[in-house]
């Protein structure tokens, strides 16, 4: 009976280690966990201008006076926006809420459960949210 040489035995052992290592790699979960964002964010800019900021709506021109957005790690959000109708000076609060999810490109989509509208966030962190809705972009700063 012929015995393998030491070099052949070492090559066989190395091949076995590589096969086991590659097999272990294929068993690992390579999907990243979904991003969870949470916190309170306060509106500071609309289309690059500080608030209050006049915007045009089918109902007329109004000033966005204040806006606070709260985001939960469970995928929900709520918003309170204070607006002032330019023609009358009357103020009102708009309440909205919904859910968000992370898109394949890592942007966030915020879908409204009340108004039927939504936002898209292309940039975000615990410090800020940059949201788009129609022709408006909104910059929110994170608050502790």
C-alpha atoms as a PDB file:
ATOM      1  CA  UNK A   1       0.000   0.000   0.000  1.00  0.00           C
ATOM      2  CA  UNK A   2       1.284   3.359  -0.988  1.00  0.00           C
ATOM      3  CA  UNK A   3       1.044   6.362   1.440  1.00  0.00           C
ATOM      4  CA  UNK A   4       0.567   9.928   0.191  1.00  0.00           C
ATOM      5  CA  UNK A   5       3.563  12.210   0.475  1.00  0.00           C
ATOM      6  CA  UNK A   6       3.599  14.935   3.077  1.00  0.00           C
ATOM      7  CA  UNK A   7       3.132  17.587   0.347  1.00  0.00           C
ATOM      8  CA  UNK A   8       0.087  15.796  -1.073  1.00  0.00           C
ATOM      9  CA  UNK A   9      -1.417  15.386   2.391  1.00  0.00           C
ATOM     10  CA  UNK A  10      -0.884  19.092   3.110  1.00  0.00           C
ATOM     11  CA  UNK A  11      -2.493  20.065  -0.227  1.00  0.00           C
ATOM     12  CA  UNK A  12      -5.472  17.812   0.524  1.00  0.00           C
ATOM     13  CA  UNK A  13      -5.852  19.304   3.996  1.00  0.00           C
ATOM     14  CA  UNK A  14      -5.694  22.836   2.573  1.00  0.00           C
ATOM     15  CA  UNK A  15      -8.337  22.003  -0.044  1.00  0.00           C
ATOM     16  CA  UNK A  16     -10.604  20.590   2.664  1.00  0.00           C
ATOM     17  CA  UNK A  17     -10.204  23.753   4.782  1.00  0.00           C
ATOM     18  CA  UNK A  18     -11.067  25.937   1.775  1.00  0.00           C
ATOM     19  CA  UNK A  19     -14.177  23.889   0.972  1.00  0.00           C
ATOM     20  CA  UNK A  20     -15.346  24.109   4.592  1.00  0.00           C
ATOM     21  CA  UNK A  21     -14.638  27.849   4.728  1.00  0.00           C
ATOM     22  CA  UNK A  22     -16.564  28.524   1.521  1.00  0.00           C
ATOM     23  CA  UNK A  23     -19.441  26.408   2.768  1.00  0.00           C
ATOM     24  CA  UNK A  24     -19.563  28.389   6.007  1.00  0.00           C
ATOM     25  CA  UNK A  25     -19.631  31.638   4.031  1.00  0.00           C
ATOM     26  CA  UNK A  26     -22.621  30.511   2.015  1.00  0.00           C
ATOM     27  CA  UNK A  27     -24.536  29.776   5.224  1.00  0.00           C
ATOM     28  CA  UNK A  28     -24.102  33.321   6.548  1.00  0.00           C
ATOM     29  CA  UNK A  29     -26.967  35.769   6.109  1.00  0.00           C
ATOM     30  CA  UNK A  30     -25.693  38.391   3.687  1.00  0.00           C
ATOM     31  CA  UNK A  31     -28.753  40.620   3.834  1.00  0.00           C
ATOM     32  CA  UNK A  32     -28.337  43.733   5.918  1.00  0.00           C
ATOM     33  CA  UNK A  33     -30.879  44.282   8.657  1.00  0.00           C
ATOM     34  CA  UNK A  34     -33.464  46.913   7.744  1.00  0.00           C
ATOM     35  CA  UNK A  35     -32.633  50.439   8.842  1.00  0.00           C
ATOM     36  CA  UNK A  36     -34.616  51.671  11.779  1.00  0.00           C
ATOM     37  CA  UNK A  37     -34.770  55.401  12.307  1.00  0.00           C
ATOM     38  CA  UNK A  38     -36.368  57.071  15.285  1.00  0.00           C
ATOM     39  CA  UNK A  39     -36.506  60.527  16.754  1.00  0.00           C
ATOM     40  CA  UNK A  40     -38.083  63.958  16.619  1.00  0.00           C
ATOM     41  CA  UNK A  41     -37.293  66.268  13.721  1.00  0.00           C
ATOM     42  CA  UNK A  42     -38.155  69.981  13.408  1.00  0.00           C
ATOM     43  CA  UNK A  43     -38.596  71.699  10.041  1.00  0.00           C
ATOM     44  CA  UNK A  44     -36.050  74.461   9.412  1.00  0.00           C
ATOM     45  CA  UNK A  45     -35.992  74.951   5.600  1.00  0.00           C
ATOM     46  CA  UNK A  46     -38.494  74.719   2.736  1.00  0.00           C
ATOM     47  CA  UNK A  47     -36.895  74.800  -0.726  1.00  0.00           C
ATOM     48  CA  UNK A  48     -33.753  76.192   0.886  1.00  0.00           C
ATOM     49  CA  UNK A  49     -35.486  79.095   2.687  1.00  0.00           C
ATOM     50  CA  UNK A  50     -35.998  79.366   6.434  1.00  0.00           C
ATOM     51  CA  UNK A  51     -39.507  79.054   7.824  1.00  0.00           C
ATOM     52  CA  UNK A  52     -41.952  80.681   7.982  1.00  0.00           C
ATOM     53  CA  UNK A  53     -42.086  80.050   4.237  1.00  0.00           C
ATOM     54  CA  UNK A  54     -44.948  80.888   1.880  1.00  0.00           C
ATOM     55  CA  UNK A  55     -46.059  78.039  -0.368  1.00  0.00           C
ATOM     56  CA  UNK A  56     -48.834  77.823  -2.930  1.00  0.00           C
ATOM     57  CA  UNK A  57     -51.605  75.276  -2.662  1.00  0.00           C
ATOM     58  CA  UNK A  58     -54.874  74.853  -4.622  1.00  0.00           C
ATOM     59  CA  UNK A  59     -56.610  76.352  -1.555  1.00  0.00           C
ATOM     60  CA  UNK A  60     -54.389  79.461  -1.728  1.00  0.00           C
ATOM     61  CA  UNK A  61     -51.075  80.740  -0.445  1.00  0.00           C
ATOM     62  CA  UNK A  62     -50.115  79.841   3.097  1.00  0.00           C
ATOM     63  CA  UNK A  63     -47.106  80.151   5.356  1.00  0.00           C
ATOM     64  CA  UNK A  64     -45.607  77.053   6.945  1.00  0.00           C
ATOM     65  CA  UNK A  65     -45.016  78.372  10.446  1.00  0.00           C
ATOM     66  CA  UNK A  66     -43.806  75.186  12.173  1.00  0.00           C
ATOM     67  CA  UNK A  67     -43.595  71.463  11.525  1.00  0.00           C
ATOM     68  CA  UNK A  68     -42.567  68.611  13.810  1.00  0.00           C
ATOM     69  CA  UNK A  69     -42.102  65.065  12.545  1.00  0.00           C
ATOM     70  CA  UNK A  70     -41.747  62.094  14.893  1.00  0.00           C
ATOM     71  CA  UNK A  71     -40.393  58.799  13.541  1.00  0.00           C
ATOM     72  CA  UNK A  72     -40.506  55.483  15.413  1.00  0.00           C
ATOM     73  CA  UNK A  73     -38.128  52.539  15.117  1.00  0.00           C
ATOM     74  CA  UNK A  74     -41.185  50.339  14.450  1.00  0.00           C
ATOM     75  CA  UNK A  75     -41.725  52.039  11.080  1.00  0.00           C
ATOM     76  CA  UNK A  76     -44.334  54.669  11.954  1.00  0.00           C
ATOM     77  CA  UNK A  77     -44.344  58.442  11.787  1.00  0.00           C
ATOM     78  CA  UNK A  78     -46.545  61.354  12.837  1.00  0.00           C
ATOM     79  CA  UNK A  79     -46.462  65.023  11.916  1.00  0.00           C
ATOM     80  CA  UNK A  80     -47.930  68.268  13.220  1.00  0.00           C
ATOM     81  CA  UNK A  81     -47.687  71.190  10.769  1.00  0.00           C
ATOM     82  CA  UNK A  82     -48.824  74.707  11.701  1.00  0.00           C
ATOM     83  CA  UNK A  83     -49.845  76.869   8.739  1.00  0.00           C
ATOM     84  CA  UNK A  84     -51.146  80.415   8.346  1.00  0.00           C
ATOM     85  CA  UNK A  85     -53.421  81.308   5.435  1.00  0.00           C
ATOM     86  CA  UNK A  86     -51.886  84.403   3.809  1.00  0.00           C
ATOM     87  CA  UNK A  87     -55.233  85.942   2.738  1.00  0.00           C
ATOM     88  CA  UNK A  88     -56.814  85.901   6.214  1.00  0.00           C
ATOM     89  CA  UNK A  89     -53.966  85.368   8.667  1.00  0.00           C
ATOM     90  CA  UNK A  90     -55.865  82.429  10.205  1.00  0.00           C
ATOM     91  CA  UNK A  91     -53.672  79.648  11.551  1.00  0.00           C
ATOM     92  CA  UNK A  92     -54.445  75.957  11.761  1.00  0.00           C
ATOM     93  CA  UNK A  93     -52.681  72.703  12.580  1.00  0.00           C
ATOM     94  CA  UNK A  94     -52.507  69.790  10.208  1.00  0.00           C
ATOM     95  CA  UNK A  95     -52.028  66.366  11.773  1.00  0.00           C
ATOM     96  CA  UNK A  96     -50.850  63.423   9.706  1.00  0.00           C
ATOM     97  CA  UNK A  97     -49.340  60.001  10.318  1.00  0.00           C
ATOM     98  CA  UNK A  98     -48.415  56.846   8.493  1.00  0.00           C
ATOM     99  CA  UNK A  99     -45.706  54.279   7.957  1.00  0.00           C
ATOM    100  CA  UNK A 100     -42.281  54.366   6.358  1.00  0.00           C
ATOM    101  CA  UNK A 101     -40.106  51.755   4.709  1.00  0.00           C
ATOM    102  CA  UNK A 102     -36.575  51.581   3.378  1.00  0.00           C
ATOM    103  CA  UNK A 103     -36.329  51.295  -0.416  1.00  0.00           C
ATOM    104  CA  UNK A 104     -33.704  49.151  -2.198  1.00  0.00           C
ATOM    105  CA  UNK A 105     -31.659  52.323  -2.876  1.00  0.00           C
ATOM    106  CA  UNK A 106     -31.778  53.060   0.901  1.00  0.00           C
ATOM    107  CA  UNK A 107     -34.062  56.068   0.516  1.00  0.00           C
ATOM    108  CA  UNK A 108     -37.098  56.236   2.790  1.00  0.00           C
ATOM    109  CA  UNK A 109     -40.702  56.327   1.622  1.00  0.00           C
ATOM    110  CA  UNK A 110     -43.160  57.819   4.091  1.00  0.00           C
ATOM    111  CA  UNK A 111     -46.748  56.958   3.222  1.00  0.00           C
ATOM    112  CA  UNK A 112     -49.572  58.930   4.791  1.00  0.00           C
ATOM    113  CA  UNK A 113     -52.503  57.156   6.314  1.00  0.00           C
ATOM    114  CA  UNK A 114     -54.602  60.320   6.422  1.00  0.00           C
ATOM    115  CA  UNK A 115     -53.853  62.758   3.624  1.00  0.00           C
ATOM    116  CA  UNK A 116     -53.069  60.174   0.950  1.00  0.00           C
ATOM    117  CA  UNK A 117     -49.811  61.993   0.256  1.00  0.00           C
ATOM    118  CA  UNK A 118     -46.320  60.832   0.975  1.00  0.00           C
ATOM    119  CA  UNK A 119     -42.713  61.873   1.193  1.00  0.00           C
ATOM    120  CA  UNK A 120     -39.447  60.523  -0.133  1.00  0.00           C
ATOM    121  CA  UNK A 121     -36.304  60.985   1.965  1.00  0.00           C
ATOM    122  CA  UNK A 122     -33.070  60.688   0.018  1.00  0.00           C
ATOM    123  CA  UNK A 123     -30.790  61.714   2.877  1.00  0.00           C
ATOM    124  CA  UNK A 124     -31.343  61.089   6.566  1.00  0.00           C
ATOM    125  CA  UNK A 125     -29.673  60.358   9.871  1.00  0.00           C
ATOM    126  CA  UNK A 126     -30.436  60.922  13.529  1.00  0.00           C
ATOM    127  CA  UNK A 127     -29.363  64.551  12.941  1.00  0.00           C
ATOM    128  CA  UNK A 128     -31.531  65.429   9.909  1.00  0.00           C
ATOM    129  CA  UNK A 129     -34.113  64.357   7.338  1.00  0.00           C
ATOM    130  CA  UNK A 130     -34.241  65.730   3.799  1.00  0.00           C
ATOM    131  CA  UNK A 131     -37.745  65.045   2.461  1.00  0.00           C
ATOM    132  CA  UNK A 132     -39.328  65.649  -0.935  1.00  0.00           C
ATOM    133  CA  UNK A 133     -43.011  66.038  -1.672  1.00  0.00           C
ATOM    134  CA  UNK A 134     -44.033  67.227  -5.119  1.00  0.00           C
ATOM    135  CA  UNK A 135     -42.156  70.408  -5.950  1.00  0.00           C
ATOM    136  CA  UNK A 136     -41.136  71.069  -2.352  1.00  0.00           C
ATOM    137  CA  UNK A 137     -38.154  69.868  -0.395  1.00  0.00           C
ATOM    138  CA  UNK A 138     -38.154  69.989   3.369  1.00  0.00           C
ATOM    139  CA  UNK A 139     -35.112  69.968   5.643  1.00  0.00           C
ATOM    140  CA  UNK A 140     -35.768  68.787   9.201  1.00  0.00           C
ATOM    141  CA  UNK A 141     -33.190  68.889  11.987  1.00  0.00           C
ATOM    142  CA  UNK A 142     -33.117  66.155  14.614  1.00  0.00           C
ATOM    143  CA  UNK A 143     -33.888  67.059  18.216  1.00  0.00           C
ATOM    144  CA  UNK A 144     -32.948  65.030  21.276  1.00  0.00           C
END
